[in-house]
Protein backbone atom coordinates (compact mmCIF):
# COMPACT_ATOMS: atom_id res chain seq x y z
CA UNK A 1 -0.01 0.02 -0.03
CA UNK A 2 2.84 2.41 0.97
CA UNK A 3 4.51 1.53 -2.33
CA UNK A 4 1.31 2.37 -4.28
CA UNK A 5 1.00 5.71 -2.51
CA UNK A 6 4.61 6.48 -3.32
CA UNK A 7 4.03 5.56 -6.88
CA UNK A 8 0.91 7.74 -7.05
CA UNK A 9 2.83 10.66 -5.53
CA UNK A 10 5.57 10.16 -8.13
CA UNK A 11 3.13 10.08 -10.95
CA UNK A 12 1.26 13.15 -9.64
CA UNK A 13 4.51 15.05 -9.30
CA UNK A 14 5.55 14.02 -12.82
CA UNK A 15 2.18 15.08 -14.28
CA UNK A 16 2.43 18.48 -12.52
CA UNK A 17 5.94 18.97 -13.94
CA UNK A 18 4.82 18.13 -17.45
CA UNK A 19 1.93 20.59 -17.07
CA UNK A 20 4.25 23.22 -15.85
CA UNK A 21 6.66 22.68 -18.76
CA UNK A 22 3.83 22.42 -21.41
CA UNK A 23 4.06 25.13 -24.13
CA UNK A 24 1.39 27.86 -23.92
CA UNK A 25 -0.59 28.75 -26.95
CA UNK A 26 -1.55 32.42 -27.46
CA UNK A 27 -3.56 34.12 -30.17
CA UNK A 28 -3.06 37.27 -32.25
CA UNK A 29 -6.17 38.62 -34.09
CA UNK A 30 -6.27 40.81 -37.11
CA UNK A 31 -8.16 41.53 -40.37
CA UNK A 32 -7.32 39.29 -43.35
CA UNK A 33 -5.41 41.95 -45.33
CA UNK A 34 -3.24 42.69 -42.29
CA UNK A 35 -2.72 39.00 -41.82
CA UNK A 36 -1.55 38.57 -45.39
CA UNK A 37 0.93 41.52 -44.91
CA UNK A 38 2.14 39.91 -41.78
CA UNK A 39 2.98 36.60 -43.55
CA UNK A 40 4.63 38.46 -46.36
CA UNK A 41 6.63 40.64 -43.95
CA UNK A 42 7.50 37.51 -41.91
CA UNK A 43 6.87 39.60 -38.93
CA UNK A 44 4.22 41.33 -36.71
CA UNK A 45 3.59 45.03 -36.81
CA UNK A 46 4.27 46.50 -33.35
CA UNK A 47 1.47 48.72 -32.01
CA UNK A 48 2.30 52.15 -30.68
CA UNK A 49 1.25 53.16 -27.23
CA UNK A 50 -0.80 56.22 -28.32
CA UNK A 51 -2.57 54.14 -30.97
CA UNK A 52 -4.04 51.58 -28.47
CA UNK A 53 -7.77 51.53 -28.21
CA UNK A 54 -7.94 52.24 -24.48
CA UNK A 55 -7.01 55.90 -23.49
CA UNK A 56 -6.13 54.75 -19.99
CA UNK A 57 -3.21 52.65 -21.37
CA UNK A 58 0.19 53.66 -19.90
CA UNK A 59 -1.62 56.40 -17.93
CA UNK A 60 -1.68 56.65 -14.15
CA UNK A 61 -3.95 58.62 -11.94
CA UNK A 62 -3.07 60.85 -8.94
CA UNK A 63 -3.81 60.72 -5.29
CA UNK A 64 -4.33 63.88 -3.17
CA UNK A 65 -3.60 66.34 -5.93
CA UNK A 66 -4.25 70.04 -5.20
CA UNK A 67 -6.66 71.61 -7.57
CA UNK A 68 -4.23 74.31 -8.71
CA UNK A 69 -1.67 71.54 -9.73
CA UNK A 70 -4.00 69.31 -11.81
CA UNK A 71 -3.44 70.94 -15.22
CA UNK A 72 0.37 70.93 -14.86
CA UNK A 73 0.49 67.39 -13.58
CA UNK A 74 -1.71 66.03 -16.33
CA UNK A 75 0.35 67.73 -18.94
CA UNK A 76 3.52 66.19 -17.51
CA UNK A 77 1.81 62.79 -17.45
CA UNK A 78 0.85 63.16 -21.18
CA UNK A 79 4.36 64.19 -21.94
CA UNK A 80 5.58 60.92 -20.31
CA UNK A 81 3.09 58.97 -22.49
CA UNK A 82 4.41 60.62 -25.65
CA UNK A 83 8.03 59.82 -24.63
CA UNK A 84 7.07 56.21 -24.02
CA UNK A 85 5.27 56.17 -27.46
CA UNK A 86 8.48 57.13 -29.12
CA UNK A 87 10.56 54.52 -27.30
CA UNK A 88 8.39 51.33 -26.88
CA UNK A 89 5.74 49.40 -28.76
CA UNK A 90 3.50 46.47 -27.82
CA UNK A 91 2.19 43.28 -29.24
CA UNK A 92 -1.15 42.01 -27.79
CA UNK A 93 -2.25 38.35 -27.64
CA UNK A 94 -5.21 36.60 -26.12
CA UNK A 95 -5.18 33.32 -24.20
CA UNK A 96 -8.38 32.35 -26.23
CA UNK A 97 -9.43 31.86 -29.87
CA UNK A 98 -12.83 30.43 -29.01
CA UNK A 99 -14.69 33.56 -27.83
CA UNK A 100 -16.93 34.89 -30.70
CA UNK A 101 -16.75 38.42 -29.20
CA UNK A 102 -12.96 38.59 -29.61
CA UNK A 103 -13.42 37.55 -33.31
CA UNK A 104 -16.05 40.29 -33.72
CA UNK A 105 -13.95 43.09 -32.11
CA UNK A 106 -10.47 42.15 -33.34
CA UNK A 107 -10.76 40.00 -36.50
CA UNK A 108 -12.99 42.23 -38.55
CA UNK A 109 -16.38 40.60 -37.55
CA UNK A 110 -15.08 37.10 -38.08
CA UNK A 111 -13.83 37.95 -41.63
CA UNK A 112 -10.25 38.09 -40.34
CA UNK A 113 -7.55 35.67 -39.28
CA UNK A 114 -6.01 34.57 -35.93
CA UNK A 115 -2.45 33.50 -35.61
CA UNK A 116 -1.81 30.86 -33.01
CA UNK A 117 1.65 31.14 -31.53
CA UNK A 118 3.56 29.02 -29.06
CA UNK A 119 5.73 30.18 -26.11
CA UNK A 120 7.44 28.25 -23.36
CA UNK A 121 6.25 28.94 -19.78
CA UNK A 122 9.71 30.43 -19.13
CA UNK A 123 9.23 32.81 -22.12
CA UNK A 124 5.85 33.83 -20.88
CA UNK A 125 7.19 34.50 -17.37
CA UNK A 126 10.18 36.56 -18.56
CA UNK A 127 9.15 38.13 -21.82
CA UNK A 128 5.30 38.67 -21.65
CA UNK A 129 3.17 40.72 -19.38
CA UNK A 130 -0.10 39.10 -18.16
CA UNK A 131 -2.71 41.80 -17.86
CA UNK A 132 -4.59 42.14 -14.57
CA UNK A 133 -8.06 43.54 -14.41
CA UNK A 134 -9.21 45.86 -11.64
CA UNK A 135 -11.75 48.62 -10.86
CA UNK A 136 -9.03 50.52 -9.10
CA UNK A 137 -6.71 52.69 -11.27
CA UNK A 138 -3.01 52.80 -10.45
CA UNK A 139 -2.38 56.16 -8.85
CA UNK A 140 0.66 58.09 -8.01
CA UNK A 141 0.75 60.03 -4.69
CA UNK A 142 1.18 63.51 -5.73
CA UNK A 143 4.14 63.95 -3.18
CA UNK A 144 6.04 61.25 -5.15
CA UNK A 145 5.33 63.09 -8.37
CA UNK A 146 6.75 66.32 -7.05
CA UNK A 147 9.91 64.72 -5.77
CA UNK A 148 10.58 62.15 -8.40
CA UNK A 149 14.32 61.76 -7.69
CA UNK A 150 13.74 60.94 -4.04
CA UNK A 151 10.88 58.57 -4.86
CA UNK A 152 12.33 56.95 -7.98
CA UNK A 153 12.04 53.39 -6.72
CA UNK A 154 8.44 53.87 -5.56
CA UNK A 155 7.56 55.32 -8.91
CA UNK A 156 9.18 52.44 -10.69
CA UNK A 157 7.02 49.98 -8.69
CA UNK A 158 3.93 51.95 -9.58
CA UNK A 159 4.84 52.06 -13.29
CA UNK A 160 5.32 48.31 -13.31
CA UNK A 161 1.76 47.86 -11.87
CA UNK A 162 0.33 50.46 -14.37
CA UNK A 163 1.46 48.70 -17.50
CA UNK A 164 -0.07 45.44 -16.28
CA UNK A 165 -3.53 46.82 -15.29
CA UNK A 166 -6.77 47.46 -17.26
CA UNK A 167 -10.34 48.05 -16.30
CA UNK A 168 -12.45 44.97 -15.52
CA UNK A 169 -14.59 45.38 -18.68
CA UNK A 170 -11.54 44.28 -20.66
CA UNK A 171 -11.32 41.00 -18.86
CA UNK A 172 -12.78 39.01 -21.77
CA UNK A 173 -9.61 39.67 -23.80
CA UNK A 174 -7.59 37.45 -21.44
CA UNK A 175 -4.69 39.47 -22.65
CA UNK A 176 -0.89 38.80 -22.62
CA UNK A 177 1.40 41.47 -23.93
CA UNK A 178 4.90 41.75 -25.35
CA UNK A 179 6.74 45.06 -24.86
CA UNK A 180 9.44 45.98 -27.34
CA UNK A 181 12.15 48.59 -27.47
CA UNK A 182 11.51 50.06 -30.81
CA UNK A 183 15.18 50.35 -31.50
CA UNK A 184 15.39 46.58 -31.63
CA UNK A 185 12.60 46.31 -34.33
CA UNK A 186 12.82 46.51 -38.09
CA UNK A 187 11.16 49.41 -39.96
CA UNK A 188 9.00 48.83 -43.00
CA UNK A 189 6.72 51.34 -44.72
CA UNK A 190 6.58 53.51 -41.62
CA UNK A 191 5.82 50.71 -39.22
CA UNK A 192 7.87 48.94 -36.65
CA UNK A 193 8.03 45.16 -37.23
CA UNK A 194 9.02 42.34 -34.82
CA UNK A 195 10.55 39.31 -36.56
CA UNK A 196 9.60 36.20 -34.47
CA UNK A 197 11.45 32.89 -34.44
CA UNK A 198 10.84 30.76 -37.48
CA UNK A 199 8.68 28.18 -35.59
CA UNK A 200 6.71 30.77 -33.49
CA UNK A 201 3.51 30.64 -35.63
CA UNK A 202 1.87 27.21 -35.22
CA UNK A 203 -1.46 27.69 -36.85
CA UNK A 204 -3.40 30.14 -38.92
CA UNK A 205 -7.11 30.12 -38.13
CA UNK A 206 -9.31 31.50 -40.83
CA UNK A 207 -12.49 33.27 -39.56
CA UNK A 208 -15.92 31.77 -40.49
CA UNK A 209 -16.75 34.80 -42.66
CA UNK A 210 -13.26 35.31 -44.21
CA UNK A 211 -13.07 35.74 -47.95
CA UNK A 212 -9.65 33.96 -47.96
CA UNK A 213 -9.49 30.34 -48.87
CA UNK A 214 -7.39 27.89 -47.01
CA UNK A 215 -5.51 27.13 -50.27
CA UNK A 216 -4.60 30.77 -50.76
CA UNK A 217 -3.32 31.13 -47.17
CA UNK A 218 -1.36 27.85 -47.58
CA UNK A 219 0.28 29.18 -50.66
CA UNK A 220 1.17 32.50 -49.06
CA UNK A 221 2.68 30.74 -46.11
CA UNK A 222 4.78 28.39 -48.20
CA UNK A 223 6.09 31.28 -50.38
CA UNK A 224 7.29 33.10 -47.27
CA UNK A 225 8.99 30.18 -45.51
CA UNK A 226 6.15 29.12 -43.05
CA UNK A 227 5.99 25.58 -44.47
CA UNK A 228 5.41 24.02 -41.01
CA UNK A 229 2.48 26.31 -40.05
CA UNK A 230 -0.92 24.53 -40.22
CA UNK A 231 -3.98 26.19 -41.75
CA UNK A 232 -7.42 25.59 -40.26
CA UNK A 233 -10.93 27.00 -40.83
CA UNK A 234 -12.95 28.29 -37.92
CA UNK A 235 -16.53 27.06 -37.43
CA UNK A 236 -19.50 27.67 -35.24
CA UNK A 237 -20.18 25.25 -32.40
CA UNK A 238 -23.33 23.41 -32.91
CA UNK A 239 -24.54 23.80 -29.34
CA UNK A 240 -22.53 26.57 -27.64
CA UNK A 241 -21.63 30.26 -28.23
CA UNK A 242 -18.09 29.20 -29.14
CA UNK A 243 -15.84 29.23 -32.12
CA UNK A 244 -14.27 25.79 -32.90
CA UNK A 245 -11.45 24.75 -35.27
C-alpha cells in the first residue's frame, strides 16, 4: 500500500511537472489583409502606445492632488506617454481563440484571421506581461510626483503595476502582452516590425466569414517560409456560443 502511495505521488509530481513545462498557446487577431501583410513581411507590426484603443493605457492617476496643480500634472503625465510612445511598442495576444466576441472586435467581424503562436512557460514568465483587471486605477501619490528623484524606486513599482492593469470590462480579452524597445525592431513602410522565431506561428485560423480560402493562405505561407504552419478554418459550435477549429 505504501509503495502504491509513493508511486501515485511520483506520478502526480511528474504530471504536474509536465503541465508546468507544457508550451502555452496564445492568439493574435487581425483582419485578413493585415494577416497577409504579416505573412509576407515575416513579422508582426508592433502597435504604438498612443494608438492603443484604451485611452487609460500607460496612464496613471493621482492621489491627493491640489486643484491648482491638476493641469500641470496631467500635462507632464501626457508628456511621459508621448516619450514612451517614441521608445516602446507592444504586441497584444489573447489566451483564447474560442470567444466569438474577440473575433467580432479584433478579427473584422469574423472576416479576419487569428495566428496561433507558441511560447514556453519560461518565455511567458520573462518576456510577456499578463494583464490584470481591476476597478482601481493605479495612482501616484502627488508627493512622489513632485519629488521624483527621491521617490524613484516607488515610482518604478507604480509604473510596473500600471502597465499590467486594465479596467475589468476588458477581462474578456484574457490578454498577454509583449513590450518591445522600438530600437530593436525593423522598420517597414513607416511601421515597426518584430521578426519572431521561425517556428513561432503554429497555426493560422481563418474566420468563419473570411473571404480568404485555406488554399490561398497555404500558398502564401509556403512562399514566405512558413511551411510548417498549419492552416485551419474556424466554425461555429453546434450547441454553444463558441468558435471551434
